[in-house]
Amino acid sequence: MAVNREAPGRVQLPEVADTENFGRELAATLRAGDLVILDGPLGAGKTALARGIGAGLGVVGRITSPTFVIARAHRAGGPGRPGMVHVDAYRLGGAEGDGMAILDELDALDLDTDLTDSVVVVEWGAGVAERLAGDHLLVSLTREPESDIRVAQWRWSR
């Protein structure tokens, strides 16, 4: 599969390893300042994809779900390489998921300052995280009915 910044795409991901490998391919197109929004239901593969992106970027530290800490910063793995900030917006905004409360909490995380030297990856961020940057990559993950095959669709918004 050819991933580039100009064309949207779609790929089937039958195994977790396929999702992680897709993340590595995406990482090859990313640079410091990029915002990646991962959207999809529970179990769709968002954290596996974030793990692959982190591996592709070569960041330091194990990539796990930041659900209970909201955001985790991973240092760059070498000179000239970006770090990665991994955010889970699932718990933002309280139990009701109030849109304004979510925006306030995102602002409090100060993620826009991280956009200069890191790639920011936001799980559950569709509909709220787009305001962090003019350009962003939206990756929507779904599971095909009657199977465990995941499908990723992506597009850059400018």
N, C-alpha and C. Protein backbone atom coordinates (compact mmCIF):
# COMPACT_ATOMS: atom_id res chain seq x y z
N MET A 1 0.84 -1.17 0.00
CA MET A 1 0.00 0.00 0.00
C MET A 1 0.88 1.23 0.00
N ALA A 2 0.50 2.22 -0.73
CA ALA A 2 1.27 3.46 -0.80
C ALA A 2 0.54 4.54 -0.01
N VAL A 3 1.17 5.00 1.05
CA VAL A 3 0.60 6.07 1.87
C VAL A 3 1.33 7.35 1.51
N ASN A 4 0.57 8.37 1.16
CA ASN A 4 1.19 9.67 0.92
C ASN A 4 0.29 10.77 1.46
N ARG A 5 0.83 11.97 1.50
CA ARG A 5 0.12 13.10 2.10
C ARG A 5 -0.92 13.71 1.16
N GLU A 6 -0.96 13.28 -0.07
CA GLU A 6 -1.83 13.93 -1.05
C GLU A 6 -3.13 13.18 -1.31
N ALA A 7 -3.11 11.88 -1.18
CA ALA A 7 -4.28 11.10 -1.58
C ALA A 7 -4.88 10.35 -0.39
N PRO A 8 -6.21 10.32 -0.32
CA PRO A 8 -6.84 9.50 0.71
C PRO A 8 -6.63 8.03 0.38
N GLY A 9 -6.87 7.17 1.35
CA GLY A 9 -6.69 5.75 1.09
C GLY A 9 -7.52 4.88 2.01
N ARG A 10 -7.46 3.60 1.73
CA ARG A 10 -8.21 2.60 2.48
C ARG A 10 -7.42 1.30 2.44
N VAL A 11 -7.38 0.61 3.58
CA VAL A 11 -6.67 -0.65 3.64
C VAL A 11 -7.33 -1.58 4.66
N GLN A 12 -7.33 -2.87 4.36
CA GLN A 12 -7.81 -3.87 5.31
C GLN A 12 -6.64 -4.30 6.19
N LEU A 13 -6.93 -4.52 7.47
CA LEU A 13 -5.90 -4.87 8.44
C LEU A 13 -6.37 -6.12 9.21
N PRO A 14 -6.08 -7.32 8.67
CA PRO A 14 -6.61 -8.54 9.28
C PRO A 14 -6.02 -8.87 10.66
N GLU A 15 -4.80 -8.46 10.92
CA GLU A 15 -4.13 -8.80 12.18
C GLU A 15 -3.64 -7.53 12.87
N VAL A 16 -3.42 -7.62 14.18
CA VAL A 16 -2.88 -6.49 14.93
C VAL A 16 -1.54 -6.06 14.33
N ALA A 17 -0.73 -7.03 13.94
CA ALA A 17 0.57 -6.72 13.34
C ALA A 17 0.40 -5.89 12.06
N ASP A 18 -0.66 -6.15 11.30
CA ASP A 18 -0.93 -5.36 10.09
C ASP A 18 -1.25 -3.91 10.46
N THR A 19 -1.99 -3.73 11.55
CA THR A 19 -2.32 -2.38 12.01
C THR A 19 -1.05 -1.65 12.43
N GLU A 20 -0.19 -2.32 13.18
CA GLU A 20 1.07 -1.71 13.60
C GLU A 20 1.96 -1.39 12.40
N ASN A 21 2.02 -2.29 11.44
CA ASN A 21 2.82 -2.04 10.23
C ASN A 21 2.27 -0.86 9.44
N PHE A 22 0.95 -0.74 9.38
CA PHE A 22 0.34 0.41 8.72
C PHE A 22 0.74 1.70 9.44
N GLY A 23 0.78 1.65 10.76
CA GLY A 23 1.24 2.81 11.53
C GLY A 23 2.67 3.20 11.18
N ARG A 24 3.54 2.21 11.00
CA ARG A 24 4.93 2.49 10.59
C ARG A 24 4.96 3.18 9.23
N GLU A 25 4.11 2.71 8.31
CA GLU A 25 4.05 3.34 6.98
C GLU A 25 3.55 4.78 7.07
N LEU A 26 2.53 5.00 7.90
CA LEU A 26 2.05 6.36 8.10
C LEU A 26 3.16 7.24 8.68
N ALA A 27 3.90 6.71 9.64
CA ALA A 27 4.96 7.48 10.29
C ALA A 27 5.99 7.98 9.30
N ALA A 28 6.24 7.21 8.25
CA ALA A 28 7.22 7.61 7.25
C ALA A 28 6.79 8.89 6.52
N THR A 29 5.49 9.22 6.57
CA THR A 29 4.99 10.43 5.90
C THR A 29 4.83 11.60 6.86
N LEU A 30 5.04 11.36 8.16
CA LEU A 30 4.78 12.39 9.18
C LEU A 30 6.03 13.17 9.53
N ARG A 31 5.81 14.38 10.04
CA ARG A 31 6.92 15.23 10.47
C ARG A 31 6.47 16.04 11.69
N ALA A 32 7.43 16.61 12.36
CA ALA A 32 7.13 17.44 13.53
C ALA A 32 6.08 18.48 13.15
N GLY A 33 5.10 18.65 14.01
CA GLY A 33 4.04 19.60 13.75
C GLY A 33 2.78 18.97 13.22
N ASP A 34 2.82 17.68 12.86
CA ASP A 34 1.64 17.02 12.32
C ASP A 34 0.70 16.57 13.43
N LEU A 35 -0.58 16.68 13.15
CA LEU A 35 -1.64 16.21 14.04
C LEU A 35 -2.31 15.02 13.36
N VAL A 36 -2.40 13.91 14.10
CA VAL A 36 -3.06 12.70 13.60
C VAL A 36 -4.22 12.40 14.52
N ILE A 37 -5.42 12.32 13.96
CA ILE A 37 -6.62 12.02 14.74
C ILE A 37 -7.07 10.61 14.39
N LEU A 38 -7.17 9.76 15.42
CA LEU A 38 -7.60 8.38 15.23
C LEU A 38 -9.03 8.26 15.72
N ASP A 39 -9.91 7.80 14.84
CA ASP A 39 -11.32 7.70 15.15
C ASP A 39 -11.77 6.26 14.95
N GLY A 40 -12.69 5.81 15.80
CA GLY A 40 -13.23 4.47 15.66
C GLY A 40 -13.75 3.96 16.99
N PRO A 41 -14.56 2.91 16.95
CA PRO A 41 -15.15 2.38 18.18
C PRO A 41 -14.11 1.64 19.03
N LEU A 42 -14.51 1.28 20.24
CA LEU A 42 -13.65 0.48 21.11
C LEU A 42 -13.22 -0.78 20.36
N GLY A 43 -11.95 -1.12 20.49
CA GLY A 43 -11.44 -2.34 19.87
C GLY A 43 -11.15 -2.24 18.39
N ALA A 44 -11.21 -1.03 17.83
CA ALA A 44 -10.99 -0.87 16.39
C ALA A 44 -9.51 -0.88 16.02
N GLY A 45 -8.62 -0.67 17.00
CA GLY A 45 -7.19 -0.72 16.70
C GLY A 45 -6.47 0.62 16.82
N LYS A 46 -7.08 1.59 17.48
CA LYS A 46 -6.47 2.92 17.59
C LYS A 46 -5.12 2.88 18.32
N THR A 47 -5.06 2.17 19.44
CA THR A 47 -3.81 2.11 20.19
C THR A 47 -2.76 1.30 19.44
N ALA A 48 -3.16 0.24 18.77
CA ALA A 48 -2.21 -0.54 17.96
C ALA A 48 -1.64 0.33 16.84
N LEU A 49 -2.48 1.15 16.25
CA LEU A 49 -2.02 2.05 15.20
C LEU A 49 -1.05 3.09 15.78
N ALA A 50 -1.37 3.63 16.95
CA ALA A 50 -0.48 4.58 17.61
C ALA A 50 0.87 3.93 17.93
N ARG A 51 0.84 2.67 18.35
CA ARG A 51 2.09 1.92 18.60
C ARG A 51 2.94 1.84 17.35
N GLY A 52 2.30 1.56 16.23
CA GLY A 52 3.02 1.49 14.96
C GLY A 52 3.59 2.84 14.55
N ILE A 53 2.81 3.90 14.76
CA ILE A 53 3.30 5.24 14.43
C ILE A 53 4.53 5.56 15.29
N GLY A 54 4.43 5.28 16.59
CA GLY A 54 5.57 5.51 17.48
C GLY A 54 6.80 4.71 17.07
N ALA A 55 6.60 3.45 16.69
CA ALA A 55 7.72 2.62 16.24
C ALA A 55 8.33 3.20 14.96
N GLY A 56 7.48 3.63 14.05
CA GLY A 56 7.97 4.21 12.80
C GLY A 56 8.72 5.51 13.00
N LEU A 57 8.28 6.29 13.99
CA LEU A 57 8.98 7.54 14.31
C LEU A 57 10.26 7.27 15.09
N GLY A 58 10.34 6.09 15.70
CA GLY A 58 11.51 5.75 16.50
C GLY A 58 11.53 6.42 17.86
N VAL A 59 10.34 6.71 18.42
CA VAL A 59 10.30 7.40 19.71
C VAL A 59 10.72 6.48 20.85
N VAL A 60 11.10 7.10 21.96
CA VAL A 60 11.55 6.37 23.14
C VAL A 60 10.35 6.04 24.02
N GLY A 61 10.31 4.83 24.52
CA GLY A 61 9.26 4.43 25.45
C GLY A 61 8.22 3.55 24.82
N ARG A 62 7.59 2.77 25.67
CA ARG A 62 6.54 1.84 25.23
C ARG A 62 5.25 2.63 24.99
N ILE A 63 4.61 2.38 23.87
CA ILE A 63 3.35 3.05 23.54
C ILE A 63 2.20 2.20 24.08
N THR A 64 1.49 2.75 25.05
CA THR A 64 0.31 2.09 25.61
C THR A 64 -0.84 3.10 25.60
N SER A 65 -2.03 2.62 25.88
CA SER A 65 -3.17 3.52 25.89
C SER A 65 -3.02 4.54 27.01
N PRO A 66 -3.15 5.83 26.69
CA PRO A 66 -3.04 6.86 27.72
C PRO A 66 -4.37 7.18 28.39
N THR A 67 -5.31 6.23 28.41
CA THR A 67 -6.65 6.49 28.91
C THR A 67 -6.66 7.12 30.30
N PHE A 68 -5.84 6.62 31.21
CA PHE A 68 -5.92 7.09 32.59
C PHE A 68 -5.02 8.29 32.87
N VAL A 69 -4.08 8.58 31.96
CA VAL A 69 -3.23 9.76 32.15
C VAL A 69 -3.56 10.84 31.12
N ILE A 70 -4.45 10.58 30.22
CA ILE A 70 -4.93 11.46 29.16
C ILE A 70 -3.88 11.67 28.06
N ALA A 71 -2.63 12.02 28.44
CA ALA A 71 -1.61 12.28 27.42
C ALA A 71 -0.26 11.77 27.90
N ARG A 72 0.52 11.23 26.97
CA ARG A 72 1.86 10.74 27.24
C ARG A 72 2.80 11.30 26.19
N ALA A 73 3.90 11.88 26.64
CA ALA A 73 4.91 12.40 25.71
C ALA A 73 6.03 11.39 25.57
N HIS A 74 6.42 11.11 24.33
CA HIS A 74 7.52 10.19 24.03
C HIS A 74 8.63 10.98 23.35
N ARG A 75 9.80 10.92 23.91
CA ARG A 75 10.95 11.66 23.36
C ARG A 75 11.34 11.11 21.99
N ALA A 76 11.93 12.01 21.23
CA ALA A 76 12.47 11.63 19.92
C ALA A 76 13.56 10.59 20.11
N GLY A 77 13.66 9.69 19.16
CA GLY A 77 14.65 8.62 19.24
C GLY A 77 16.01 8.99 18.69
N GLY A 78 16.19 10.20 18.26
CA GLY A 78 17.48 10.62 17.73
C GLY A 78 17.40 12.03 17.18
N PRO A 79 18.57 12.57 16.86
CA PRO A 79 18.61 13.94 16.33
C PRO A 79 17.82 14.06 15.02
N GLY A 80 17.11 15.16 14.90
CA GLY A 80 16.36 15.41 13.67
C GLY A 80 15.07 14.64 13.55
N ARG A 81 14.74 13.84 14.57
CA ARG A 81 13.50 13.07 14.53
C ARG A 81 12.49 13.70 15.48
N PRO A 82 11.20 13.65 15.13
CA PRO A 82 10.22 14.22 16.05
C PRO A 82 9.90 13.29 17.21
N GLY A 83 9.46 13.87 18.31
CA GLY A 83 8.88 13.08 19.39
C GLY A 83 7.43 12.80 19.04
N MET A 84 6.73 12.20 19.98
CA MET A 84 5.31 11.92 19.77
C MET A 84 4.56 12.17 21.07
N VAL A 85 3.45 12.87 20.97
CA VAL A 85 2.54 13.04 22.10
C VAL A 85 1.31 12.22 21.76
N HIS A 86 0.99 11.27 22.65
CA HIS A 86 -0.12 10.35 22.44
C HIS A 86 -1.22 10.73 23.42
N VAL A 87 -2.38 11.12 22.90
CA VAL A 87 -3.48 11.63 23.71
C VAL A 87 -4.70 10.71 23.55
N ASP A 88 -5.40 10.49 24.65
CA ASP A 88 -6.66 9.77 24.61
C ASP A 88 -7.75 10.73 25.06
N ALA A 89 -8.58 11.17 24.14
CA ALA A 89 -9.63 12.16 24.45
C ALA A 89 -10.92 11.50 24.94
N TYR A 90 -10.90 10.19 25.12
CA TYR A 90 -12.12 9.46 25.49
C TYR A 90 -12.74 9.98 26.78
N ARG A 91 -11.92 10.25 27.79
CA ARG A 91 -12.43 10.67 29.09
C ARG A 91 -12.56 12.19 29.23
N LEU A 92 -12.17 12.92 28.24
CA LEU A 92 -12.28 14.38 28.35
C LEU A 92 -13.74 14.82 28.31
N GLY A 93 -14.06 15.86 29.04
CA GLY A 93 -15.40 16.42 29.00
C GLY A 93 -16.38 15.77 29.94
N GLY A 94 -15.91 14.89 30.82
CA GLY A 94 -16.80 14.27 31.79
C GLY A 94 -17.64 13.18 31.17
N ALA A 95 -18.52 12.63 31.96
CA ALA A 95 -19.33 11.49 31.53
C ALA A 95 -20.27 11.84 30.37
N GLU A 96 -20.69 13.09 30.30
CA GLU A 96 -21.61 13.48 29.24
C GLU A 96 -20.91 13.76 27.93
N GLY A 97 -19.58 13.89 27.95
CA GLY A 97 -18.85 14.19 26.72
C GLY A 97 -19.19 15.57 26.17
N ASP A 98 -19.44 16.53 27.05
CA ASP A 98 -19.79 17.89 26.66
C ASP A 98 -18.71 18.49 25.76
N GLY A 99 -19.10 18.90 24.57
CA GLY A 99 -18.16 19.42 23.58
C GLY A 99 -17.32 20.58 24.09
N MET A 100 -17.93 21.54 24.76
CA MET A 100 -17.17 22.70 25.27
C MET A 100 -16.19 22.27 26.35
N ALA A 101 -16.61 21.36 27.22
CA ALA A 101 -15.72 20.88 28.28
C ALA A 101 -14.52 20.15 27.67
N ILE A 102 -14.76 19.39 26.62
CA ILE A 102 -13.66 18.69 25.95
C ILE A 102 -12.67 19.70 25.37
N LEU A 103 -13.18 20.73 24.72
CA LEU A 103 -12.30 21.76 24.16
C LEU A 103 -11.50 22.45 25.26
N ASP A 104 -12.13 22.74 26.38
CA ASP A 104 -11.42 23.36 27.50
C ASP A 104 -10.31 22.46 28.01
N GLU A 105 -10.59 21.17 28.14
CA GLU A 105 -9.58 20.24 28.65
C GLU A 105 -8.45 20.06 27.64
N LEU A 106 -8.77 20.04 26.35
CA LEU A 106 -7.71 19.97 25.33
C LEU A 106 -6.82 21.21 25.40
N ASP A 107 -7.43 22.37 25.56
CA ASP A 107 -6.66 23.60 25.70
C ASP A 107 -5.74 23.53 26.92
N ALA A 108 -6.24 22.98 28.02
CA ALA A 108 -5.45 22.88 29.25
C ALA A 108 -4.23 21.97 29.07
N LEU A 109 -4.32 21.01 28.16
CA LEU A 109 -3.18 20.12 27.91
C LEU A 109 -2.06 20.83 27.15
N ASP A 110 -2.34 21.99 26.57
CA ASP A 110 -1.34 22.80 25.87
C ASP A 110 -0.72 22.04 24.69
N LEU A 111 -1.51 21.25 24.00
CA LEU A 111 -0.99 20.42 22.92
C LEU A 111 -0.48 21.24 21.74
N ASP A 112 -1.04 22.43 21.55
CA ASP A 112 -0.60 23.22 20.40
C ASP A 112 0.88 23.60 20.52
N THR A 113 1.42 23.67 21.73
CA THR A 113 2.85 23.94 21.88
C THR A 113 3.68 22.72 21.49
N ASP A 114 3.13 21.51 21.68
CA ASP A 114 3.84 20.30 21.30
C ASP A 114 3.88 20.10 19.79
N LEU A 115 3.00 20.78 19.08
CA LEU A 115 2.93 20.61 17.64
C LEU A 115 4.16 21.13 16.92
N THR A 116 5.02 21.86 17.56
CA THR A 116 6.19 22.38 16.85
C THR A 116 7.30 21.36 16.72
N ASP A 117 7.45 20.46 17.70
CA ASP A 117 8.57 19.52 17.62
C ASP A 117 8.16 18.05 17.76
N SER A 118 6.88 17.79 17.77
CA SER A 118 6.38 16.42 17.92
C SER A 118 5.26 16.16 16.94
N VAL A 119 4.96 14.89 16.75
CA VAL A 119 3.74 14.46 16.09
C VAL A 119 2.75 14.22 17.21
N VAL A 120 1.57 14.82 17.13
CA VAL A 120 0.54 14.63 18.14
C VAL A 120 -0.50 13.66 17.58
N VAL A 121 -0.70 12.53 18.30
CA VAL A 121 -1.64 11.50 17.90
C VAL A 121 -2.76 11.48 18.94
N VAL A 122 -4.00 11.74 18.50
CA VAL A 122 -5.14 11.85 19.41
C VAL A 122 -6.15 10.76 19.11
N GLU A 123 -6.31 9.83 20.06
CA GLU A 123 -7.36 8.83 19.96
C GLU A 123 -8.66 9.46 20.43
N TRP A 124 -9.78 9.11 19.80
CA TRP A 124 -11.10 9.62 20.15
C TRP A 124 -11.19 11.13 19.94
N GLY A 125 -10.40 11.69 19.04
CA GLY A 125 -10.34 13.13 18.89
C GLY A 125 -11.20 13.71 17.79
N ALA A 126 -11.86 12.89 17.00
CA ALA A 126 -12.66 13.41 15.88
C ALA A 126 -13.76 14.32 16.40
N GLY A 127 -13.89 15.48 15.77
CA GLY A 127 -14.91 16.43 16.15
C GLY A 127 -14.45 17.46 17.16
N VAL A 128 -13.28 17.25 17.78
CA VAL A 128 -12.79 18.22 18.76
C VAL A 128 -11.33 18.59 18.56
N ALA A 129 -10.49 17.63 18.22
CA ALA A 129 -9.05 17.90 18.15
C ALA A 129 -8.64 18.64 16.88
N GLU A 130 -9.50 18.68 15.89
CA GLU A 130 -9.15 19.34 14.63
C GLU A 130 -8.74 20.79 14.83
N ARG A 131 -9.25 21.42 15.85
CA ARG A 131 -8.95 22.83 16.08
C ARG A 131 -7.52 23.08 16.53
N LEU A 132 -6.79 22.00 16.86
CA LEU A 132 -5.40 22.16 17.30
C LEU A 132 -4.47 22.56 16.16
N ALA A 133 -4.84 22.22 14.94
CA ALA A 133 -3.98 22.52 13.79
C ALA A 133 -4.85 22.68 12.55
N GLY A 134 -4.42 23.52 11.65
CA GLY A 134 -5.15 23.71 10.41
C GLY A 134 -5.17 22.45 9.56
N ASP A 135 -4.04 21.80 9.46
CA ASP A 135 -3.93 20.55 8.71
C ASP A 135 -3.89 19.40 9.70
N HIS A 136 -4.56 18.31 9.35
CA HIS A 136 -4.47 17.12 10.18
C HIS A 136 -4.78 15.89 9.34
N LEU A 137 -4.29 14.78 9.83
CA LEU A 137 -4.57 13.49 9.20
C LEU A 137 -5.64 12.80 10.03
N LEU A 138 -6.76 12.47 9.40
CA LEU A 138 -7.82 11.73 10.06
C LEU A 138 -7.76 10.29 9.59
N VAL A 139 -7.63 9.37 10.56
CA VAL A 139 -7.64 7.95 10.25
C VAL A 139 -8.85 7.35 10.96
N SER A 140 -9.79 6.83 10.17
CA SER A 140 -10.99 6.19 10.72
C SER A 140 -10.81 4.69 10.66
N LEU A 141 -10.97 4.05 11.80
CA LEU A 141 -10.83 2.60 11.90
C LEU A 141 -12.19 1.98 12.21
N THR A 142 -12.51 0.92 11.49
CA THR A 142 -13.75 0.18 11.73
C THR A 142 -13.44 -1.30 11.69
N ARG A 143 -14.41 -2.07 12.13
CA ARG A 143 -14.31 -3.53 12.02
C ARG A 143 -15.39 -3.98 11.06
N GLU A 144 -15.02 -4.87 10.16
CA GLU A 144 -16.02 -5.38 9.22
C GLU A 144 -16.99 -6.30 9.96
N PRO A 145 -18.27 -6.19 9.64
CA PRO A 145 -19.26 -7.07 10.29
C PRO A 145 -18.94 -8.53 9.99
N GLU A 146 -19.20 -9.36 10.96
CA GLU A 146 -19.02 -10.82 10.82
C GLU A 146 -17.56 -11.27 10.74
N SER A 147 -16.62 -10.36 10.99
CA SER A 147 -15.21 -10.78 10.99
C SER A 147 -14.45 -9.90 11.97
N ASP A 148 -13.22 -10.22 12.16
CA ASP A 148 -12.37 -9.42 13.04
C ASP A 148 -11.43 -8.54 12.23
N ILE A 149 -11.71 -8.40 10.94
CA ILE A 149 -10.85 -7.60 10.08
C ILE A 149 -11.15 -6.13 10.28
N ARG A 150 -10.08 -5.38 10.54
CA ARG A 150 -10.22 -3.94 10.68
C ARG A 150 -9.97 -3.27 9.33
N VAL A 151 -10.58 -2.12 9.16
CA VAL A 151 -10.40 -1.34 7.94
C VAL A 151 -9.99 0.07 8.36
N ALA A 152 -8.93 0.57 7.75
CA ALA A 152 -8.50 1.95 8.00
C ALA A 152 -8.74 2.76 6.74
N GLN A 153 -9.33 3.93 6.94
CA GLN A 153 -9.49 4.91 5.87
C GLN A 153 -8.84 6.19 6.35
N TRP A 154 -8.09 6.84 5.47
CA TRP A 154 -7.39 8.05 5.89
C TRP A 154 -7.47 9.13 4.85
N ARG A 155 -7.37 10.37 5.38
CA ARG A 155 -7.32 11.53 4.48
C ARG A 155 -6.75 12.70 5.26
N TRP A 156 -6.03 13.52 4.53
CA TRP A 156 -5.53 14.77 5.10
C TRP A 156 -6.58 15.84 4.91
N SER A 157 -6.81 16.64 5.93
CA SER A 157 -7.71 17.79 5.83
C SER A 157 -6.86 19.04 5.90
N ARG A 158 -7.11 19.95 4.99
CA ARG A 158 -6.34 21.19 4.94
C ARG A 158 -7.25 22.38 5.00
